[in-house]
PDB file of N, CA and C in Angstrom:
ATOM      1  N   MET A   1     -49.540  -7.736 -31.384  1.00  0.00           N
ATOM      2  CA  MET A   1     -50.434  -9.164 -31.334  1.00  0.00           C
ATOM      3  C   MET A   1     -50.357 -10.004 -32.339  1.00  0.00           C
ATOM      4  N   LEU A   2     -50.314 -11.450 -31.795  1.00  0.00           N
ATOM      5  CA  LEU A   2     -49.764 -12.685 -32.247  1.00  0.00           C
ATOM      6  C   LEU A   2     -51.004 -13.314 -32.879  1.00  0.00           C
ATOM      7  N   ARG A   3     -50.949 -13.448 -33.871  1.00  0.00           N
ATOM      8  CA  ARG A   3     -51.832 -14.263 -34.751  1.00  0.00           C
ATOM      9  C   ARG A   3     -51.656 -15.537 -35.153  1.00  0.00           C
ATOM     10  N   ILE A   4     -52.823 -16.335 -34.862  1.00  0.00           N
ATOM     11  CA  ILE A   4     -52.420 -17.474 -35.160  1.00  0.00           C
ATOM     12  C   ILE A   4     -53.338 -18.080 -36.333  1.00  0.00           C
ATOM     13  N   ARG A   5     -52.673 -18.651 -37.344  1.00  0.00           N
ATOM     14  CA  ARG A   5     -53.727 -19.467 -38.229  1.00  0.00           C
ATOM     15  C   ARG A   5     -54.109 -20.836 -37.775  1.00  0.00           C
ATOM     16  N   MET A   6     -55.355 -20.750 -38.147  1.00  0.00           N
ATOM     17  CA  MET A   6     -56.264 -22.187 -37.850  1.00  0.00           C
ATOM     18  C   MET A   6     -56.183 -22.848 -39.134  1.00  0.00           C
ATOM     19  N   ARG A   7     -55.974 -24.350 -38.925  1.00  0.00           N
ATOM     20  CA  ARG A   7     -56.415 -24.979 -40.193  1.00  0.00           C
ATOM     21  C   ARG A   7     -57.472 -25.692 -39.970  1.00  0.00           C
ATOM     22  N   MET A   8     -58.314 -26.161 -40.878  1.00  0.00           N
ATOM     23  CA  MET A   8     -59.417 -26.969 -40.873  1.00  0.00           C
ATOM     24  C   MET A   8     -58.955 -28.619 -41.372  1.00  0.00           C
ATOM     25  N   ILE A   9     -59.432 -28.975 -40.511  1.00  0.00           N
ATOM     26  CA  ILE A   9     -59.114 -30.756 -40.668  1.00  0.00           C
ATOM     27  C   ILE A   9     -60.057 -31.439 -41.136  1.00  0.00           C
ATOM     28  N   PRO A  10     -60.422 -31.934 -42.070  1.00  0.00           N
ATOM     29  CA  PRO A  10     -61.680 -32.573 -42.703  1.00  0.00           C
ATOM     30  C   PRO A  10     -61.577 -33.417 -41.934  1.00  0.00           C
ATOM     31  N   ASP A  11     -63.202 -33.990 -42.159  1.00  0.00           N
ATOM     32  CA  ASP A  11     -64.021 -35.287 -41.106  1.00  0.00           C
ATOM     33  C   ASP A  11     -63.014 -36.562 -41.817  1.00  0.00           C
ATOM     34  N   ARG A  12     -62.302 -37.045 -41.140  1.00  0.00           N
ATOM     35  CA  ARG A  12     -61.893 -38.481 -41.405  1.00  0.00           C
ATOM     36  C   ARG A  12     -62.392 -39.386 -40.418  1.00  0.00           C
ATOM     37  N   ALA A  13     -62.242 -40.753 -41.344  1.00  0.00           N
ATOM     38  CA  ALA A  13     -62.861 -42.456 -41.118  1.00  0.00           C
ATOM     39  C   ALA A  13     -61.087 -42.574 -40.509  1.00  0.00           C
ATOM     40  N   VAL A  14     -61.770 -42.979 -39.167  1.00  0.00           N
ATOM     41  CA  VAL A  14     -61.174 -43.725 -38.228  1.00  0.00           C
ATOM     42  C   VAL A  14     -60.888 -45.388 -38.125  1.00  0.00           C
ATOM     43  N   PHE A  15     -60.506 -45.940 -38.434  1.00  0.00           N
ATOM     44  CA  PHE A  15     -60.204 -47.509 -37.983  1.00  0.00           C
ATOM     45  C   PHE A  15     -59.005 -47.648 -36.889  1.00  0.00           C
ATOM     46  N   THR A  16     -59.824 -48.330 -36.434  1.00  0.00           N
ATOM     47  CA  THR A  16     -59.051 -48.628 -34.936  1.00  0.00           C
ATOM     48  C   THR A  16     -58.752 -50.090 -34.792  1.00  0.00           C
ATOM     49  N   VAL A  17     -57.697 -50.606 -34.444  1.00  0.00           N
ATOM     50  CA  VAL A  17     -57.143 -52.060 -34.375  1.00  0.00           C
ATOM     51  C   VAL A  17     -56.912 -52.110 -32.663  1.00  0.00           C
ATOM     52  N   ALA A  18     -58.181 -53.165 -32.470  1.00  0.00           N
ATOM     53  CA  ALA A  18     -57.820 -53.154 -30.950  1.00  0.00           C
ATOM     54  C   ALA A  18     -58.635 -54.458 -30.488  1.00  0.00           C
ATOM     55  N   ARG A  19     -57.943 -55.183 -29.006  1.00  0.00           N
ATOM     56  CA  ARG A  19     -58.729 -56.320 -29.005  1.00  0.00           C
ATOM     57  C   ARG A  19     -60.391 -56.100 -28.948  1.00  0.00           C
ATOM     58  N   HIS A  20     -61.108 -56.773 -28.785  1.00  0.00           N
ATOM     59  CA  HIS A  20     -62.162 -57.400 -29.045  1.00  0.00           C
ATOM     60  C   HIS A  20     -62.707 -58.413 -28.896  1.00  0.00           C
ATOM     61  N   ASN A  21     -63.616 -58.712 -28.058  1.00  0.00           N
ATOM     62  CA  ASN A  21     -63.998 -60.502 -27.508  1.00  0.00           C
ATOM     63  C   ASN A  21     -62.736 -61.452 -27.401  1.00  0.00           C
ATOM     64  N   GLY A  22     -61.683 -61.368 -27.381  1.00  0.00           N
ATOM     65  CA  GLY A  22     -60.106 -61.745 -27.207  1.00  0.00           C
ATOM     66  C   GLY A  22     -59.750 -61.947 -28.291  1.00  0.00           C
ATOM     67  N   VAL A  23     -60.031 -61.310 -29.139  1.00  0.00           N
ATOM     68  CA  VAL A  23     -59.422 -61.631 -30.497  1.00  0.00           C
ATOM     69  C   VAL A  23     -58.831 -60.405 -30.983  1.00  0.00           C
ATOM     70  N   TRP A  24     -58.211 -59.767 -32.127  1.00  0.00           N
ATOM     71  CA  TRP A  24     -57.790 -58.352 -32.770  1.00  0.00           C
ATOM     72  C   TRP A  24     -58.911 -58.158 -33.798  1.00  0.00           C
ATOM     73  N   ALA A  25     -59.586 -57.284 -34.020  1.00  0.00           N
ATOM     74  CA  ALA A  25     -60.380 -56.675 -34.526  1.00  0.00           C
ATOM     75  C   ALA A  25     -60.333 -55.313 -35.366  1.00  0.00           C
ATOM     76  N   VAL A  26     -60.970 -54.852 -36.021  1.00  0.00           N
ATOM     77  CA  VAL A  26     -61.253 -53.293 -36.315  1.00  0.00           C
ATOM     78  C   VAL A  26     -62.486 -52.575 -36.261  1.00  0.00           C
ATOM     79  N   GLU A  27     -62.330 -51.421 -35.562  1.00  0.00           N
ATOM     80  CA  GLU A  27     -63.669 -50.706 -35.163  1.00  0.00           C
ATOM     81  C   GLU A  27     -63.234 -49.879 -36.178  1.00  0.00           C
ATOM     82  N   HIS A  28     -64.594 -49.363 -36.917  1.00  0.00           N
ATOM     83  CA  HIS A  28     -64.985 -48.202 -37.268  1.00  0.00           C
ATOM     84  C   HIS A  28     -66.720 -47.851 -37.361  1.00  0.00           C
ATOM     85  N   ASP A  29     -66.694 -46.594 -36.692  1.00  0.00           N
ATOM     86  CA  ASP A  29     -67.876 -46.164 -36.455  1.00  0.00           C
ATOM     87  C   ASP A  29     -69.117 -46.994 -35.468  1.00  0.00           C
ATOM     88  N   GLY A  30     -68.310 -47.506 -34.300  1.00  0.00           N
ATOM     89  CA  GLY A  30     -69.413 -48.576 -33.600  1.00  0.00           C
ATOM     90  C   GLY A  30     -69.067 -49.879 -34.590  1.00  0.00           C
ATOM     91  N   GLU A  31     -68.797 -50.374 -35.348  1.00  0.00           N
ATOM     92  CA  GLU A  31     -68.472 -51.350 -35.813  1.00  0.00           C
ATOM     93  C   GLU A  31     -67.384 -52.357 -35.583  1.00  0.00           C
ATOM     94  N   PHE A  32     -67.459 -53.518 -35.298  1.00  0.00           N
ATOM     95  CA  PHE A  32     -66.180 -54.477 -35.202  1.00  0.00           C
ATOM     96  C   PHE A  32     -66.133 -55.426 -36.697  1.00  0.00           C
ATOM     97  N   PHE A  33     -65.131 -55.679 -37.319  1.00  0.00           N
ATOM     98  CA  PHE A  33     -64.872 -56.699 -38.338  1.00  0.00           C
ATOM     99  C   PHE A  33     -63.676 -56.784 -38.371  1.00  0.00           C
ATOM    100  N   GLY A  34     -63.161 -57.977 -39.142  1.00  0.00           N
ATOM    101  CA  GLY A  34     -61.764 -58.255 -39.623  1.00  0.00           C
ATOM    102  C   GLY A  34     -61.048 -59.091 -38.182  1.00  0.00           C
ATOM    103  N   HIS A  35     -61.962 -59.488 -37.641  1.00  0.00           N
ATOM    104  CA  HIS A  35     -61.749 -60.486 -36.309  1.00  0.00           C
ATOM    105  C   HIS A  35     -60.521 -61.516 -36.670  1.00  0.00           C
ATOM    106  N   SER A  36     -59.483 -61.609 -35.984  1.00  0.00           N
ATOM    107  CA  SER A  36     -58.615 -62.486 -35.996  1.00  0.00           C
ATOM    108  C   SER A  36     -57.602 -62.372 -35.012  1.00  0.00           C
ATOM    109  N   SER A  37     -57.271 -63.954 -34.602  1.00  0.00           N
ATOM    110  CA  SER A  37     -56.221 -64.231 -33.155  1.00  0.00           C
ATOM    111  C   SER A  37     -54.834 -63.473 -33.665  1.00  0.00           C
ATOM    112  N   ASP A  38     -54.559 -62.856 -34.789  1.00  0.00           N
ATOM    113  CA  ASP A  38     -53.175 -62.156 -35.198  1.00  0.00           C
ATOM    114  C   ASP A  38     -53.567 -61.146 -35.527  1.00  0.00           C
ATOM    115  N   LYS A  39     -52.784 -60.000 -34.564  1.00  0.00           N
ATOM    116  CA  LYS A  39     -52.995 -58.731 -34.481  1.00  0.00           C
ATOM    117  C   LYS A  39     -52.572 -58.189 -36.166  1.00  0.00           C
ATOM    118  N   GLU A  40     -51.197 -58.766 -36.741  1.00  0.00           N
ATOM    119  CA  GLU A  40     -50.887 -58.095 -38.168  1.00  0.00           C
ATOM    120  C   GLU A  40     -52.489 -58.131 -39.111  1.00  0.00           C
ATOM    121  N   VAL A  41     -53.020 -59.665 -39.034  1.00  0.00           N
ATOM    122  CA  VAL A  41     -54.086 -59.838 -40.246  1.00  0.00           C
ATOM    123  C   VAL A  41     -55.195 -58.614 -39.744  1.00  0.00           C
ATOM    124  N   ALA A  42     -55.411 -58.252 -38.399  1.00  0.00           N
ATOM    125  CA  ALA A  42     -56.248 -57.310 -38.319  1.00  0.00           C
ATOM    126  C   ALA A  42     -55.788 -55.954 -38.845  1.00  0.00           C
ATOM    127  N   LYS A  43     -54.651 -55.647 -38.563  1.00  0.00           N
ATOM    128  CA  LYS A  43     -53.776 -54.515 -39.078  1.00  0.00           C
ATOM    129  C   LYS A  43     -54.161 -54.231 -40.722  1.00  0.00           C
ATOM    130  N   ALA A  44     -53.913 -55.690 -41.118  1.00  0.00           N
ATOM    131  CA  ALA A  44     -53.980 -55.237 -42.608  1.00  0.00           C
ATOM    132  C   ALA A  44     -55.715 -54.950 -43.433  1.00  0.00           C
ATOM    133  N   GLU A  45     -56.307 -55.786 -42.633  1.00  0.00           N
ATOM    134  CA  GLU A  45     -57.897 -55.735 -42.878  1.00  0.00           C
ATOM    135  C   GLU A  45     -58.041 -54.034 -42.890  1.00  0.00           C
ATOM    136  N   ALA A  46     -57.528 -53.363 -41.182  1.00  0.00           N
ATOM    137  CA  ALA A  46     -58.035 -52.028 -41.451  1.00  0.00           C
ATOM    138  C   ALA A  46     -57.073 -50.830 -42.656  1.00  0.00           C
ATOM    139  N   CYS A  47     -56.328 -51.216 -43.602  1.00  0.00           N
ATOM    140  CA  CYS A  47     -55.666 -50.720 -44.200  1.00  0.00           C
ATOM    141  C   CYS A  47     -56.293 -51.105 -45.591  1.00  0.00           C
ATOM    142  N   LYS A  48     -56.560 -52.154 -45.599  1.00  0.00           N
ATOM    143  CA  LYS A  48     -57.116 -52.075 -46.782  1.00  0.00           C
ATOM    144  C   LYS A  48     -58.670 -51.445 -46.799  1.00  0.00           C
ATOM    145  N   ARG A  49     -59.447 -51.574 -45.473  1.00  0.00           N
ATOM    146  CA  ARG A  49     -60.593 -50.738 -45.930  1.00  0.00           C
ATOM    147  C   ARG A  49     -60.250 -49.222 -45.730  1.00  0.00           C
ATOM    148  N   ALA A  50     -59.439 -48.876 -44.940  1.00  0.00           N
ATOM    149  CA  ALA A  50     -58.935 -47.169 -45.024  1.00  0.00           C
ATOM    150  C   ALA A  50     -58.871 -47.013 -46.379  1.00  0.00           C
ATOM    151  N   ARG A  51     -57.655 -47.843 -46.896  1.00  0.00           N
ATOM    152  CA  ARG A  51     -57.412 -47.540 -48.693  1.00  0.00           C
ATOM    153  C   ARG A  51     -58.647 -47.291 -49.646  1.00  0.00           C
ATOM    154  N   ALA A  52     -59.732 -48.182 -49.118  1.00  0.00           N
ATOM    155  CA  ALA A  52     -61.218 -47.950 -50.135  1.00  0.00           C
ATOM    156  C   ALA A  52     -61.377 -46.328 -49.699  1.00  0.00           C
ATOM    157  N   SER A  53     -61.660 -46.530 -48.420  1.00  0.00           N
ATOM    158  CA  SER A  53     -62.045 -44.709 -48.162  1.00  0.00           C
ATOM    159  C   SER A  53     -61.443 -43.818 -48.839  1.00  0.00           C
ATOM    160  N   GLN A  54     -59.989 -44.110 -48.582  1.00  0.00           N
ATOM    161  CA  GLN A  54     -59.195 -42.837 -48.883  1.00  0.00           C
ATOM    162  C   GLN A  54     -59.544 -43.257 -50.741  1.00  0.00           C
ATOM    163  N   ASP A  55     -59.717 -43.869 -51.325  1.00  0.00           N
ATOM    164  CA  ASP A  55     -59.600 -43.965 -53.216  1.00  0.00           C
ATOM    165  C   ASP A  55     -61.080 -43.339 -53.113  1.00  0.00           C
ATOM    166  N   LYS A  56     -61.844 -42.884 -52.664  1.00  0.00           N
ATOM    167  CA  LYS A  56     -63.577 -42.279 -52.670  1.00  0.00           C
ATOM    168  C   LYS A  56     -63.199 -41.051 -52.093  1.00  0.00           C
ATOM    169  N   GLY A  57     -61.944 -40.807 -51.485  1.00  0.00           N
ATOM    170  CA  GLY A  57     -62.151 -39.245 -51.765  1.00  0.00           C
ATOM    171  C   GLY A  57     -61.685 -38.785 -50.200  1.00  0.00           C
ATOM    172  N   ARG A  58     -62.453 -39.574 -49.290  1.00  0.00           N
ATOM    173  CA  ARG A  58     -62.451 -39.507 -47.723  1.00  0.00           C
ATOM    174  C   ARG A  58     -61.085 -39.808 -47.177  1.00  0.00           C
ATOM    175  N   PRO A  59     -60.330 -38.871 -46.227  1.00  0.00           N
ATOM    176  CA  PRO A  59     -59.312 -38.921 -45.314  1.00  0.00           C
ATOM    177  C   PRO A  59     -59.763 -39.758 -44.455  1.00  0.00           C
ATOM    178  N   CYS A  60     -58.584 -40.792 -43.929  1.00  0.00           N
ATOM    179  CA  CYS A  60     -58.732 -41.766 -43.496  1.00  0.00           C
ATOM    180  C   CYS A  60     -57.343 -41.903 -42.255  1.00  0.00           C
ATOM    181  N   GLN A  61     -57.541 -42.451 -41.318  1.00  0.00           N
ATOM    182  CA  GLN A  61     -56.395 -42.456 -40.204  1.00  0.00           C
ATOM    183  C   GLN A  61     -56.771 -44.050 -39.799  1.00  0.00           C
ATOM    184  N   VAL A  62     -55.915 -44.976 -39.887  1.00  0.00           N
ATOM    185  CA  VAL A  62     -55.376 -45.861 -38.832  1.00  0.00           C
ATOM    186  C   VAL A  62     -54.831 -46.134 -37.804  1.00  0.00           C
ATOM    187  N   ARG A  63     -55.395 -46.355 -36.337  1.00  0.00           N
ATOM    188  CA  ARG A  63     -54.959 -46.604 -35.289  1.00  0.00           C
ATOM    189  C   ARG A  63     -54.846 -47.916 -35.022  1.00  0.00           C
ATOM    190  N   VAL A  64     -53.735 -47.958 -33.984  1.00  0.00           N
ATOM    191  CA  VAL A  64     -53.740 -49.550 -33.558  1.00  0.00           C
ATOM    192  C   VAL A  64     -53.586 -49.150 -31.677  1.00  0.00           C
ATOM    193  N   SER A  65     -54.151 -49.991 -31.419  1.00  0.00           N
ATOM    194  CA  SER A  65     -54.208 -49.584 -29.791  1.00  0.00           C
ATOM    195  C   SER A  65     -52.888 -50.089 -29.116  1.00  0.00           C
ATOM    196  N   GLY A  66     -52.207 -49.105 -28.216  1.00  0.00           N
ATOM    197  CA  GLY A  66     -51.214 -49.559 -27.755  1.00  0.00           C
ATOM    198  C   GLY A  66     -49.985 -49.497 -28.404  1.00  0.00           C
ATOM    199  N   GLU A  67     -50.023 -48.597 -29.683  1.00  0.00           N
ATOM    200  CA  GLU A  67     -49.000 -48.283 -30.669  1.00  0.00           C
ATOM    201  C   GLU A  67     -48.900 -47.000 -30.514  1.00  0.00           C
ATOM    202  N   HIS A  68     -47.859 -46.363 -30.425  1.00  0.00           N
ATOM    203  CA  HIS A  68     -47.507 -44.709 -30.836  1.00  0.00           C
ATOM    204  C   HIS A  68     -47.195 -44.354 -32.076  1.00  0.00           C
ATOM    205  N   GLY A  69     -47.071 -45.349 -33.004  1.00  0.00           N
ATOM    206  CA  GLY A  69     -47.025 -44.825 -34.776  1.00  0.00           C
ATOM    207  C   GLY A  69     -44.972 -44.589 -34.682  1.00  0.00           C
ATOM    208  N   PHE A  70     -44.028 -44.510 -33.427  1.00  0.00           N
ATOM    209  CA  PHE A  70     -43.180 -44.366 -33.923  1.00  0.00           C
ATOM    210  C   PHE A  70     -42.302 -45.118 -32.720  1.00  0.00           C
ATOM    211  N   ALA A  71     -40.999 -45.393 -33.049  1.00  0.00           N
ATOM    212  CA  ALA A  71     -40.073 -46.514 -32.619  1.00  0.00           C
ATOM    213  C   ALA A  71     -38.816 -45.621 -31.695  1.00  0.00           C
ATOM    214  N   GLY A  72     -38.410 -46.227 -30.789  1.00  0.00           N
ATOM    215  CA  GLY A  72     -38.008 -45.526 -29.910  1.00  0.00           C
ATOM    216  C   GLY A  72     -36.461 -45.985 -29.689  1.00  0.00           C
TER     217      GLY A  72
END
């Protein structure tokens, strides 16, 4: 019999950097903020907010629309 161990994944705060109304913005729980014409500025805002959430004890994830998190 094959036994599979399931791992519980805690609820994460997900901050997504994506295009919104023609500029880059960060989306979290349906709210957009950190609007910028520069994608790197929006990414920095997402990381700042994620760090604050992480410091309060909530696991976080930052996603960037169109990026996969690895270089080929």
